Amino acid sequence: MGTIATDAERPVVRRVRVDDAIEVAELCVQLGYEASARQIEERIGRLLDSGEGRVALVACVGEGVAGWIEASVEHHLQSEPFALITGLVVRDSVRGLGVGKRLCEEIERWAKGQGLKTLRVTSRSTRERAHQFYLREGFVLVKNSAVFEKVLG
């Protein structure tokens, strides 16, 4: 396990901006999702226009984006509303420095501000390091499921 960053190195967390698109796109690739900077610019623009039910934050260490997290408020018939982390990635070179922890803390704060009592995250079954991270951060495994997708076209 890595070391926790000192206060001088502590990541600064803020809302994502359109001018973060290049670095966010690089991190998307690291997460396993190919996207151009232009595509990410458009997605950030839509997210910023979507209102208070969604948020994306970046963690900056020095001048660069070290990671990002995105979450939304989910409303379903079968359950009380909850916050869902829809994406989280930390740059390989700064893993273990507390970046992911800081991003999760800020999303938890945001979710509480939305009046929510539950924060949920899904993670691909092969991402065992991510699972260990979430368990360390106080998440509890509540179920395993399969995801099915149909391409519409």
C-alpha atoms as a PDB file:
ATOM      1  CA  MET A   1       0.000   0.000   0.000  1.00  0.00           C
ATOM      2  CA  GLY A   2       1.253   3.502  -0.811  1.00  0.00           C
ATOM      3  CA  THR A   3       1.727   6.424   1.488  1.00  0.00           C
ATOM      4  CA  ILE A   4      -0.805   9.127   2.184  1.00  0.00           C
ATOM      5  CA  ALA A   5       0.050  12.519   0.721  1.00  0.00           C
ATOM      6  CA  THR A   6       1.184  15.278   3.065  1.00  0.00           C
ATOM      7  CA  ASP A   7      -0.887  18.459   3.277  1.00  0.00           C
ATOM      8  CA  ALA A   8       1.421  20.104   0.723  1.00  0.00           C
ATOM      9  CA  GLU A   9       0.778  17.232  -1.706  1.00  0.00           C
ATOM     10  CA  ARG A  10      -2.914  16.779  -0.792  1.00  0.00           C
ATOM     11  CA  PRO A  11      -4.985  16.736  -3.964  1.00  0.00           C
ATOM     12  CA  VAL A  12      -7.140  19.768  -4.665  1.00  0.00           C
ATOM     13  CA  VAL A  13     -10.617  18.578  -5.643  1.00  0.00           C
ATOM     14  CA  ARG A  14     -12.880  20.734  -7.793  1.00  0.00           C
ATOM     15  CA  ARG A  15     -15.658  20.377 -10.334  1.00  0.00           C
ATOM     16  CA  VAL A  16     -14.600  19.247 -13.779  1.00  0.00           C
ATOM     17  CA  ARG A  17     -14.206  21.931 -16.457  1.00  0.00           C
ATOM     18  CA  VAL A  18     -14.247  21.705 -20.243  1.00  0.00           C
ATOM     19  CA  ASP A  19     -10.547  22.589 -20.322  1.00  0.00           C
ATOM     20  CA  ASP A  20      -9.840  19.356 -18.382  1.00  0.00           C
ATOM     21  CA  ALA A  21     -10.941  17.293 -21.395  1.00  0.00           C
ATOM     22  CA  ILE A  22      -7.487  16.183 -22.608  1.00  0.00           C
ATOM     23  CA  GLU A  23      -6.420  14.821 -19.224  1.00  0.00           C
ATOM     24  CA  VAL A  24      -9.853  13.323 -18.513  1.00  0.00           C
ATOM     25  CA  ALA A  25      -9.705  11.558 -21.892  1.00  0.00           C
ATOM     26  CA  GLU A  26      -6.270  10.133 -21.036  1.00  0.00           C
ATOM     27  CA  LEU A  27      -7.661   8.789 -17.786  1.00  0.00           C
ATOM     28  CA  CYS A  28     -10.676   7.296 -19.601  1.00  0.00           C
ATOM     29  CA  VAL A  29      -8.234   5.235 -21.665  1.00  0.00           C
ATOM     30  CA  GLN A  30      -6.525   4.101 -18.478  1.00  0.00           C
ATOM     31  CA  LEU A  31      -9.962   3.027 -17.214  1.00  0.00           C
ATOM     32  CA  GLY A  32     -10.492   1.039 -20.410  1.00  0.00           C
ATOM     33  CA  TYR A  33     -12.737   3.409 -22.355  1.00  0.00           C
ATOM     34  CA  GLU A  34     -11.344   5.054 -25.488  1.00  0.00           C
ATOM     35  CA  ALA A  35     -12.568   8.621 -26.020  1.00  0.00           C
ATOM     36  CA  SER A  36     -11.139  11.631 -27.808  1.00  0.00           C
ATOM     37  CA  ALA A  37     -10.629  14.959 -26.069  1.00  0.00           C
ATOM     38  CA  ARG A  38     -13.375  16.400 -28.293  1.00  0.00           C
ATOM     39  CA  GLN A  39     -15.834  13.695 -27.212  1.00  0.00           C
ATOM     40  CA  ILE A  40     -14.963  14.344 -23.570  1.00  0.00           C
ATOM     41  CA  GLU A  41     -15.429  18.120 -24.085  1.00  0.00           C
ATOM     42  CA  GLU A  42     -18.946  17.442 -25.384  1.00  0.00           C
ATOM     43  CA  ARG A  43     -19.711  15.065 -22.505  1.00  0.00           C
ATOM     44  CA  ILE A  44     -18.450  17.546 -19.914  1.00  0.00           C
ATOM     45  CA  GLY A  45     -20.611  20.233 -21.528  1.00  0.00           C
ATOM     46  CA  ARG A  46     -23.718  18.033 -21.322  1.00  0.00           C
ATOM     47  CA  LEU A  47     -22.906  17.124 -17.726  1.00  0.00           C
ATOM     48  CA  LEU A  48     -22.482  20.770 -16.743  1.00  0.00           C
ATOM     49  CA  ASP A  49     -25.860  21.561 -18.341  1.00  0.00           C
ATOM     50  CA  SER A  50     -27.670  18.648 -16.674  1.00  0.00           C
ATOM     51  CA  GLY A  51     -28.432  20.248 -13.316  1.00  0.00           C
ATOM     52  CA  GLU A  52     -27.805  19.209  -9.734  1.00  0.00           C
ATOM     53  CA  GLY A  53     -28.481  15.476 -10.032  1.00  0.00           C
ATOM     54  CA  ARG A  54     -25.034  14.757 -11.495  1.00  0.00           C
ATOM     55  CA  VAL A  55     -21.522  15.817 -10.625  1.00  0.00           C
ATOM     56  CA  ALA A  56     -18.012  15.184 -11.900  1.00  0.00           C
ATOM     57  CA  LEU A  57     -14.952  16.179  -9.910  1.00  0.00           C
ATOM     58  CA  VAL A  58     -11.257  16.162 -10.670  1.00  0.00           C
ATOM     59  CA  ALA A  59      -8.388  15.857  -8.218  1.00  0.00           C
ATOM     60  CA  CYS A  60      -5.375  17.954  -9.091  1.00  0.00           C
ATOM     61  CA  VAL A  61      -1.860  17.325  -7.827  1.00  0.00           C
ATOM     62  CA  GLY A  62       0.379  20.169  -8.863  1.00  0.00           C
ATOM     63  CA  GLU A  63      -0.803  21.453 -12.224  1.00  0.00           C
ATOM     64  CA  GLY A  64      -2.260  18.222 -13.568  1.00  0.00           C
ATOM     65  CA  VAL A  65      -5.428  16.181 -13.204  1.00  0.00           C
ATOM     66  CA  ALA A  66      -4.538  13.141 -11.100  1.00  0.00           C
ATOM     67  CA  GLY A  67      -7.962  11.533 -11.168  1.00  0.00           C
ATOM     68  CA  TRP A  68     -11.654  12.052 -11.633  1.00  0.00           C
ATOM     69  CA  ILE A  69     -14.937  10.801 -10.205  1.00  0.00           C
ATOM     70  CA  GLU A  70     -18.483  11.093 -11.480  1.00  0.00           C
ATOM     71  CA  ALA A  71     -21.732  10.416  -9.634  1.00  0.00           C
ATOM     72  CA  SER A  72     -25.455  10.808 -10.091  1.00  0.00           C
ATOM     73  CA  VAL A  73     -28.599  10.699  -8.015  1.00  0.00           C
ATOM     74  CA  GLU A  74     -30.573   7.599  -8.947  1.00  0.00           C
ATOM     75  CA  HIS A  75     -34.351   7.371  -8.572  1.00  0.00           C
ATOM     76  CA  HIS A  76     -35.985   3.953  -8.931  1.00  0.00           C
ATOM     77  CA  LEU A  77     -39.392   2.541  -8.047  1.00  0.00           C
ATOM     78  CA  GLN A  78     -37.933  -0.307  -6.003  1.00  0.00           C
ATOM     79  CA  SER A  79     -35.616   1.705  -3.738  1.00  0.00           C
ATOM     80  CA  GLU A  80     -35.056   4.995  -1.997  1.00  0.00           C
ATOM     81  CA  PRO A  81     -32.959   7.474  -4.007  1.00  0.00           C
ATOM     82  CA  PHE A  82     -29.212   6.923  -3.745  1.00  0.00           C
ATOM     83  CA  ALA A  83     -25.984   8.332  -5.121  1.00  0.00           C
ATOM     84  CA  LEU A  84     -24.191   6.150  -7.664  1.00  0.00           C
ATOM     85  CA  ILE A  85     -20.515   6.561  -8.477  1.00  0.00           C
ATOM     86  CA  THR A  86     -20.532   6.017 -12.226  1.00  0.00           C
ATOM     87  CA  GLY A  87     -16.806   6.396 -12.785  1.00  0.00           C
ATOM     88  CA  LEU A  88     -13.609   6.748 -10.773  1.00  0.00           C
ATOM     89  CA  VAL A  89     -10.031   6.633 -12.004  1.00  0.00           C
ATOM     90  CA  VAL A  90      -6.692   7.707 -10.577  1.00  0.00           C
ATOM     91  CA  ARG A  91      -3.603   8.170 -12.722  1.00  0.00           C
ATOM     92  CA  ASP A  92      -1.284   5.154 -12.352  1.00  0.00           C
ATOM     93  CA  SER A  93       1.665   7.347 -11.355  1.00  0.00           C
ATOM     94  CA  VAL A  94      -0.098   8.748  -8.267  1.00  0.00           C
ATOM     95  CA  ARG A  95      -1.954   5.711  -6.982  1.00  0.00           C
ATOM     96  CA  GLY A  96      -1.513   5.132  -3.285  1.00  0.00           C
ATOM     97  CA  LEU A  97      -1.224   8.850  -2.470  1.00  0.00           C
ATOM     98  CA  GLY A  98      -4.807   9.321  -1.296  1.00  0.00           C
ATOM     99  CA  VAL A  99      -6.262  10.734  -4.526  1.00  0.00           C
ATOM    100  CA  GLY A 100      -9.076   8.174  -4.778  1.00  0.00           C
ATOM    101  CA  LYS A 101      -9.830   8.565  -1.091  1.00  0.00           C
ATOM    102  CA  ARG A 102     -10.156  12.363  -1.468  1.00  0.00           C
ATOM    103  CA  LEU A 103     -12.420  11.998  -4.493  1.00  0.00           C
ATOM    104  CA  CYS A 104     -14.668   9.553  -2.611  1.00  0.00           C
ATOM    105  CA  GLU A 105     -14.793  11.875   0.423  1.00  0.00           C
ATOM    106  CA  GLU A 106     -15.976  14.735  -1.764  1.00  0.00           C
ATOM    107  CA  ILE A 107     -18.621  12.608  -3.487  1.00  0.00           C
ATOM    108  CA  GLU A 108     -19.834  11.414  -0.088  1.00  0.00           C
ATOM    109  CA  ARG A 109     -20.114  15.052   1.021  1.00  0.00           C
ATOM    110  CA  TRP A 110     -21.983  15.897  -2.202  1.00  0.00           C
ATOM    111  CA  ALA A 111     -24.379  12.948  -1.736  1.00  0.00           C
ATOM    112  CA  LYS A 112     -25.161  13.969   1.845  1.00  0.00           C
ATOM    113  CA  GLY A 113     -25.800  17.486   0.556  1.00  0.00           C
ATOM    114  CA  GLN A 114     -28.347  15.983  -1.816  1.00  0.00           C
ATOM    115  CA  GLY A 115     -30.138  14.482   1.201  1.00  0.00           C
ATOM    116  CA  LEU A 116     -29.134  10.920   0.318  1.00  0.00           C
ATOM    117  CA  LYS A 117     -28.403   8.163   2.818  1.00  0.00           C
ATOM    118  CA  THR A 118     -26.701   5.667   0.503  1.00  0.00           C
ATOM    119  CA  LEU A 119     -23.664   5.859  -1.786  1.00  0.00           C
ATOM    120  CA  ARG A 120     -23.272   2.956  -4.186  1.00  0.00           C
ATOM    121  CA  VAL A 121     -20.619   1.932  -6.703  1.00  0.00           C
ATOM    122  CA  THR A 122     -20.346  -0.888  -9.199  1.00  0.00           C
ATOM    123  CA  SER A 123     -17.037  -2.360 -10.270  1.00  0.00           C
ATOM    124  CA  ARG A 124     -16.108  -4.860 -12.951  1.00  0.00           C
ATOM    125  CA  SER A 125     -15.457  -8.322 -11.491  1.00  0.00           C
ATOM    126  CA  THR A 126     -11.862  -8.323 -12.771  1.00  0.00           C
ATOM    127  CA  ARG A 127     -10.910  -5.096 -10.942  1.00  0.00           C
ATOM    128  CA  GLU A 128      -9.828  -6.737  -7.710  1.00  0.00           C
ATOM    129  CA  ARG A 129      -7.607  -3.814  -6.630  1.00  0.00           C
ATOM    130  CA  ALA A 130     -10.580  -1.491  -6.996  1.00  0.00           C
ATOM    131  CA  HIS A 131     -12.684  -3.847  -4.872  1.00  0.00           C
ATOM    132  CA  GLN A 132     -10.078  -3.765  -2.111  1.00  0.00           C
ATOM    133  CA  PHE A 133      -9.994   0.032  -2.309  1.00  0.00           C
ATOM    134  CA  TYR A 134     -13.779   0.306  -1.900  1.00  0.00           C
ATOM    135  CA  LEU A 135     -13.767  -2.106   1.036  1.00  0.00           C
ATOM    136  CA  ARG A 136     -11.033  -0.025   2.732  1.00  0.00           C
ATOM    137  CA  GLU A 137     -13.153   3.080   2.157  1.00  0.00           C
ATOM    138  CA  GLY A 138     -16.106   1.590   4.053  1.00  0.00           C
ATOM    139  CA  PHE A 139     -18.194   0.201   1.207  1.00  0.00           C
ATOM    140  CA  VAL A 140     -19.782  -3.219   1.754  1.00  0.00           C
ATOM    141  CA  LEU A 141     -20.290  -5.791  -1.008  1.00  0.00           C
ATOM    142  CA  VAL A 142     -24.064  -6.272  -1.208  1.00  0.00           C
ATOM    143  CA  LYS A 143     -24.459  -8.289  -4.410  1.00  0.00           C
ATOM    144  CA  ASN A 144     -22.811  -9.600  -7.561  1.00  0.00           C
ATOM    145  CA  SER A 145     -24.561  -9.179 -10.881  1.00  0.00           C
ATOM    146  CA  ALA A 146     -24.085  -9.478 -14.612  1.00  0.00           C
ATOM    147  CA  VAL A 147     -24.459  -6.554 -17.009  1.00  0.00           C
ATOM    148  CA  PHE A 148     -26.158  -7.109 -20.332  1.00  0.00           C
ATOM    149  CA  GLU A 149     -25.992  -4.662 -23.202  1.00  0.00           C
ATOM    150  CA  LYS A 150     -27.761  -4.374 -26.525  1.00  0.00           C
ATOM    151  CA  VAL A 151     -26.346  -2.086 -29.206  1.00  0.00           C
ATOM    152  CA  LEU A 152     -29.127  -0.019 -30.727  1.00  0.00           C
ATOM    153  CA  GLY A 153     -28.662   0.870 -34.286  1.00  0.00           C
END
